[in-house]
Amino acid sequence: MTQEPRELTELLAIASRAAREAGQLLRSARPEHIRGKSNAKDLVTEWDLRSEELIRTILEPTGIPVMGEEKGGARGGSQWLVDPIDGTVNFAHGLPIWCVSIALELAGQLVVGVVNAPVIGWWFEATRGGGARDGAGEPLRVSACTELPRALLATGFPYDVSGAHNNFAEWEHFQRVASCRRLGSAAIDLCLVATGAFDGYWERHLGPWDMAAGVLMVVEAGGTVTDIQGGPFDPHSGEAVASNGAIHQGLISELSRVRS
C-alpha cells in the first residue's frame, strides 16, 4: 500500500494528539502489575500496553504502519515509531523521568517527532525542516560548548550488561574526560541535547522508537547525530551519538579510544 505524504503539520497534530492522550492516561496510573521481559530490569507494565493500544487507535487511521515497542510491526521505509513509555523502570518506581515518544519515518527520513514527559511538564516537538520547539512554542537550540572537558554528557546502559558492549568502560572514561549523567530515558536525553542542557549523548542497544523523535529534535535544533563511528545515523541501527556539533568529533574520537 502506498501512502501519499500529508502535510507535516497535519501529521504532527495527529502525533501530538496521541502523545497527549497517552500522557493523560499514564499520569493517572499507578503501575500495579509488572511482568518481566527478557531481564528483570527490563520491565513492561500493563500501562505500556494500554498506552500503545491508545496511540495505535489514533495513528492507524492515517494508513501509515505503526511499529511500537510492545506490539512490534514490520519494518518499512515509512512507519510511525512509537515508544508508549520510554523509561518504564522509572515509571514503575514512581520516578517521573519518563515520556511518550512518537516519530514518523517517511521514505527512510524522520519527518515528525513528539516527546511528552507529562509528570514533569516537558513537551518537545519537531518537523523536518520546520525546527524543534518546546511546549510554549519556543525554538530549541543546542548548546555552544566547544570543549569536551567542559561538556555535560548523557548515556544509558543495556538491560543485559553481560555483553562486551555494556558501556561501562565508556562511562568510566567519560567521567574523567567530561561530566556524565544517566537519566534512564533515551528520548529525554536526546531532547535535552536539543535544548542545550546536555552537550552530547551516546548509547547502544536501542530500538528505533527510543531514538527517532529525540534525534529529530537534535537535528532540527542545530545539532549533529551519527552512528558510533561517526557515520550516517540509522534509527534501526541500535546506536546513536548526538551532540551540539562543536564537540562531536571529539566525542567520536574518545569513544574510539575506549574501543581500541
Protein backbone atom coordinates (compact mmCIF):
# COMPACT_ATOMS: atom_id res chain seq x y z
CA MET A 1 0.00 0.00 0.00
CA THR A 2 1.41 3.40 -0.91
CA GLN A 3 0.79 6.40 1.27
CA GLU A 4 0.64 9.89 -0.18
CA PRO A 5 2.57 12.17 2.20
CA ARG A 6 0.31 14.50 4.11
CA GLU A 7 1.30 17.96 5.21
CA LEU A 8 3.71 17.59 8.11
CA THR A 9 1.66 19.99 10.22
CA GLU A 10 -1.33 17.66 9.93
CA LEU A 11 0.76 14.60 10.79
CA LEU A 12 2.34 16.46 13.72
CA ALA A 13 -1.13 17.31 15.02
CA ILE A 14 -2.12 13.64 14.90
CA ALA A 15 1.06 12.56 16.69
CA SER A 16 0.59 15.33 19.26
CA ARG A 17 -2.95 14.19 20.00
CA ALA A 18 -1.75 10.63 20.51
CA ALA A 19 1.08 11.72 22.80
CA ARG A 20 -1.18 13.97 24.87
CA GLU A 21 -3.91 11.36 25.31
CA ALA A 22 -1.37 8.70 26.23
CA GLY A 23 0.22 11.10 28.68
CA GLN A 24 -3.14 11.79 30.30
CA LEU A 25 -3.77 8.06 30.64
CA LEU A 26 -0.37 7.42 32.19
CA ARG A 27 -0.47 10.36 34.60
CA SER A 28 -3.46 8.79 36.32
CA ALA A 29 -1.82 5.38 36.51
CA ARG A 30 -0.15 3.59 39.37
CA PRO A 31 1.58 0.51 37.94
CA GLU A 32 0.19 -2.45 39.86
CA HIS A 33 1.03 -5.42 37.66
CA ILE A 34 4.63 -5.63 36.47
CA ARG A 35 5.88 -8.58 34.50
CA GLY A 36 9.38 -9.25 33.21
CA LYS A 37 10.61 -9.24 29.66
CA SER A 38 13.94 -10.95 28.98
CA ASN A 39 15.54 -9.45 32.06
CA ALA A 40 14.22 -8.44 35.47
CA LYS A 41 15.38 -4.85 34.84
CA ASP A 42 13.57 -4.73 31.50
CA LEU A 43 10.05 -4.12 32.73
CA VAL A 44 6.77 -3.86 30.91
CA THR A 45 3.73 -2.76 32.86
CA GLU A 46 0.10 -3.06 31.93
CA TRP A 47 0.33 0.66 31.21
CA ASP A 48 2.90 0.22 28.45
CA LEU A 49 0.39 -1.99 26.70
CA ARG A 50 -2.57 0.28 27.34
CA SER A 51 -0.62 3.34 26.22
CA GLU A 52 0.49 1.72 22.97
CA GLU A 53 -3.01 0.49 22.22
CA LEU A 54 -4.41 4.01 22.69
CA ILE A 55 -1.69 5.51 20.48
CA ARG A 56 -2.34 2.92 17.77
CA THR A 57 -6.05 3.73 17.66
CA ILE A 58 -5.14 7.35 16.86
CA LEU A 59 -2.29 6.70 14.41
CA GLU A 60 -3.59 3.73 12.43
CA PRO A 61 -6.34 5.69 10.60
CA THR A 62 -3.55 7.63 8.83
CA GLY A 63 -2.86 4.46 6.84
CA ILE A 64 0.81 4.56 7.79
CA PRO A 65 2.03 1.36 9.52
CA VAL A 66 2.82 1.55 13.23
CA MET A 67 5.95 -0.01 14.74
CA GLY A 68 5.65 0.00 18.53
CA GLU A 69 7.95 -1.23 21.25
CA GLU A 70 5.38 -3.63 22.71
CA LYS A 71 3.43 -4.92 19.72
CA GLY A 72 6.13 -4.55 17.08
CA GLY A 73 5.37 -4.13 13.41
CA ALA A 74 7.06 -4.84 10.11
CA ARG A 75 9.91 -2.53 9.20
CA GLY A 76 9.40 -0.48 6.06
CA GLY A 77 10.50 2.78 4.54
CA SER A 78 7.54 4.58 6.12
CA GLN A 79 6.16 3.98 9.61
CA TRP A 80 5.24 5.50 12.90
CA LEU A 81 7.83 4.65 15.57
CA VAL A 82 6.17 4.52 18.99
CA ASP A 83 7.53 4.11 22.49
CA PRO A 84 4.45 4.13 24.76
CA ILE A 85 6.62 4.67 27.86
CA ASP A 86 10.29 5.46 27.42
CA GLY A 87 11.74 4.99 30.87
CA THR A 88 9.46 2.21 32.07
CA VAL A 89 11.73 1.33 35.01
CA ASN A 90 11.48 4.93 36.22
CA PHE A 91 7.72 4.89 35.66
CA ALA A 92 7.28 1.63 37.56
CA HIS A 93 9.17 3.00 40.56
CA GLY A 94 7.39 6.36 40.67
CA LEU A 95 10.35 8.35 39.30
CA PRO A 96 8.83 10.97 36.98
CA ILE A 97 11.60 10.91 34.34
CA TRP A 98 9.74 9.04 31.60
CA CYS A 99 7.91 10.04 28.45
CA VAL A 100 5.76 9.08 25.50
CA SER A 101 7.78 9.22 22.27
CA ILE A 102 6.27 9.21 18.77
CA ALA A 103 8.09 9.75 15.49
CA LEU A 104 7.23 9.40 11.84
CA GLU A 105 9.64 7.99 9.29
CA LEU A 106 8.62 8.57 5.66
CA ALA A 107 10.64 7.04 2.84
CA GLY A 108 13.51 6.45 5.25
CA GLN A 109 13.60 10.01 6.63
CA LEU A 110 12.49 11.18 10.07
CA VAL A 111 9.95 13.93 9.46
CA VAL A 112 7.83 14.30 12.64
CA GLY A 113 8.68 13.86 16.31
CA VAL A 114 6.82 14.39 19.58
CA VAL A 115 8.06 13.69 23.11
CA ASN A 116 5.74 14.20 26.07
CA ALA A 117 7.01 13.88 29.64
CA PRO A 118 3.70 14.66 31.35
CA VAL A 119 4.60 14.41 35.04
CA ILE A 120 7.44 16.93 34.78
CA GLY A 121 5.57 19.02 32.23
CA TRP A 122 8.07 18.75 29.37
CA TRP A 123 6.85 18.78 25.78
CA PHE A 124 9.03 18.70 22.67
CA GLU A 125 8.02 18.58 19.01
CA ALA A 126 9.73 18.87 15.64
CA THR A 127 9.14 18.58 11.93
CA ARG A 128 11.79 18.06 9.28
CA GLY A 129 12.90 21.47 8.06
CA GLY A 130 10.45 23.17 10.43
CA GLY A 131 12.56 23.34 13.57
CA ALA A 132 12.06 21.97 17.08
CA ARG A 133 10.02 23.60 19.82
CA ASP A 134 9.13 23.21 23.46
CA GLY A 135 5.64 23.21 24.96
CA ALA A 136 5.49 27.01 24.92
CA GLY A 137 6.37 27.09 21.24
CA GLU A 138 9.86 28.40 21.90
CA PRO A 139 12.53 27.13 19.49
CA LEU A 140 15.05 24.60 20.77
CA ARG A 141 18.75 25.29 20.24
CA VAL A 142 21.77 23.15 21.07
CA SER A 143 24.48 24.46 23.37
CA ALA A 144 27.51 26.50 22.36
CA CYS A 145 30.02 24.38 24.31
CA THR A 146 33.18 23.84 22.26
CA GLU A 147 35.42 21.96 24.72
CA LEU A 148 34.78 18.34 25.63
CA PRO A 149 36.28 18.69 29.15
CA ARG A 150 33.61 21.31 29.88
CA ALA A 151 30.79 19.26 28.40
CA LEU A 152 27.91 17.59 30.20
CA LEU A 153 27.12 14.27 28.54
CA ALA A 154 24.34 11.71 28.88
CA THR A 155 24.18 8.00 28.20
CA GLY A 156 22.44 4.79 29.19
CA PHE A 157 23.14 1.12 29.72
CA PRO A 158 21.64 -2.01 28.16
CA TYR A 159 19.35 -4.19 30.24
CA ASP A 160 21.71 -7.10 29.68
CA VAL A 161 25.10 -5.88 30.90
CA SER A 162 26.84 -9.23 30.44
CA GLY A 163 27.94 -8.45 26.87
CA ALA A 164 31.15 -6.81 25.73
CA HIS A 165 29.43 -3.54 24.78
CA ASN A 166 27.85 -2.85 28.17
CA ASN A 167 29.05 0.80 28.14
CA PHE A 168 30.87 0.51 31.47
CA ALA A 169 34.30 1.35 30.02
CA GLU A 170 32.90 4.34 28.13
CA TRP A 171 31.12 5.60 31.24
CA GLU A 172 34.28 5.38 33.31
CA HIS A 173 36.33 7.04 30.57
CA PHE A 174 33.99 10.00 30.15
CA GLN A 175 33.79 10.59 33.89
CA ARG A 176 37.45 11.60 33.53
CA VAL A 177 37.13 13.43 30.20
CA ALA A 178 33.88 15.28 30.91
CA SER A 179 30.85 15.01 33.20
CA CYS A 180 28.16 12.35 32.63
CA ARG A 181 24.59 11.73 33.68
CA ARG A 182 22.25 8.75 33.27
CA LEU A 183 18.53 9.58 33.44
CA GLY A 184 17.00 6.33 32.19
CA SER A 185 15.18 7.65 29.11
CA ALA A 186 16.94 7.93 25.76
CA ALA A 187 14.22 10.15 24.30
CA ILE A 188 14.53 12.65 27.16
CA ASP A 189 18.33 12.56 26.95
CA LEU A 190 18.18 13.47 23.27
CA CYS A 191 15.65 16.24 23.84
CA LEU A 192 17.93 17.71 26.48
CA VAL A 193 20.74 17.78 23.92
CA ALA A 194 18.34 19.73 21.70
CA THR A 195 17.64 22.23 24.50
CA GLY A 196 21.34 22.69 25.28
CA ALA A 197 21.10 21.21 28.77
CA PHE A 198 23.29 18.30 27.64
CA ASP A 199 26.12 18.93 25.21
CA GLY A 200 26.32 15.35 23.96
CA TYR A 201 24.92 11.84 24.23
CA TRP A 202 25.85 8.34 23.14
CA GLU A 203 24.24 4.92 23.56
CA ARG A 204 23.95 1.45 22.03
CA HIS A 205 21.34 -1.31 22.19
CA LEU A 206 18.40 0.97 21.48
CA GLY A 207 15.22 0.46 19.48
CA PRO A 208 14.22 2.89 16.73
CA TRP A 209 11.29 4.02 18.89
CA ASP A 210 13.77 5.03 21.63
CA MET A 211 15.76 7.35 19.38
CA ALA A 212 13.72 8.57 16.44
CA ALA A 213 11.76 11.50 17.90
CA GLY A 214 14.66 12.74 20.03
CA VAL A 215 17.10 12.53 17.12
CA LEU A 216 14.85 14.74 15.01
CA MET A 217 14.78 17.27 17.89
CA VAL A 218 18.58 17.41 17.94
CA VAL A 219 18.93 17.81 14.18
CA GLU A 220 16.25 20.49 13.99
CA ALA A 221 17.84 22.31 16.94
CA GLY A 222 21.09 22.58 15.01
CA GLY A 223 22.92 19.56 16.39
CA THR A 224 24.64 16.55 14.86
CA VAL A 225 23.66 12.87 15.07
CA THR A 226 25.74 9.96 13.74
CA ASP A 227 26.46 6.35 14.50
CA ILE A 228 29.19 5.40 17.00
CA GLN A 229 31.89 5.57 14.30
CA GLY A 230 30.76 9.00 13.09
CA GLY A 231 28.96 7.65 10.02
CA PRO A 232 25.37 8.34 8.92
CA PHE A 233 22.70 7.78 11.55
CA ASP A 234 20.20 4.96 11.02
CA PRO A 235 17.32 4.78 13.52
CA HIS A 236 17.25 0.99 13.07
CA SER A 237 20.96 0.51 13.84
CA GLY A 238 20.52 0.46 17.62
CA GLU A 239 23.09 3.18 18.28
CA ALA A 240 23.48 6.93 18.23
CA VAL A 241 25.89 9.71 19.08
CA ALA A 242 24.25 13.13 19.33
CA SER A 243 25.82 16.48 20.17
CA ASN A 244 25.77 20.20 19.65
CA GLY A 245 28.06 19.63 16.68
CA ALA A 246 31.01 21.54 18.11
CA ILE A 247 32.18 18.67 20.33
CA HIS A 248 31.04 15.89 18.03
CA GLN A 249 34.36 14.86 16.55
CA GLY A 250 35.94 14.90 20.00
CA LEU A 251 33.16 12.69 21.33
CA ILE A 252 33.59 10.23 18.44
CA SER A 253 37.37 10.22 18.90
CA GLU A 254 37.12 9.48 22.63
CA LEU A 255 34.64 6.67 22.00
CA SER A 256 37.10 5.21 19.51
CA ARG A 257 39.90 5.39 22.06
CA VAL A 258 37.86 3.39 24.55
CA ARG A 259 37.14 0.66 21.99
CA SER A 260 40.74 0.44 20.69
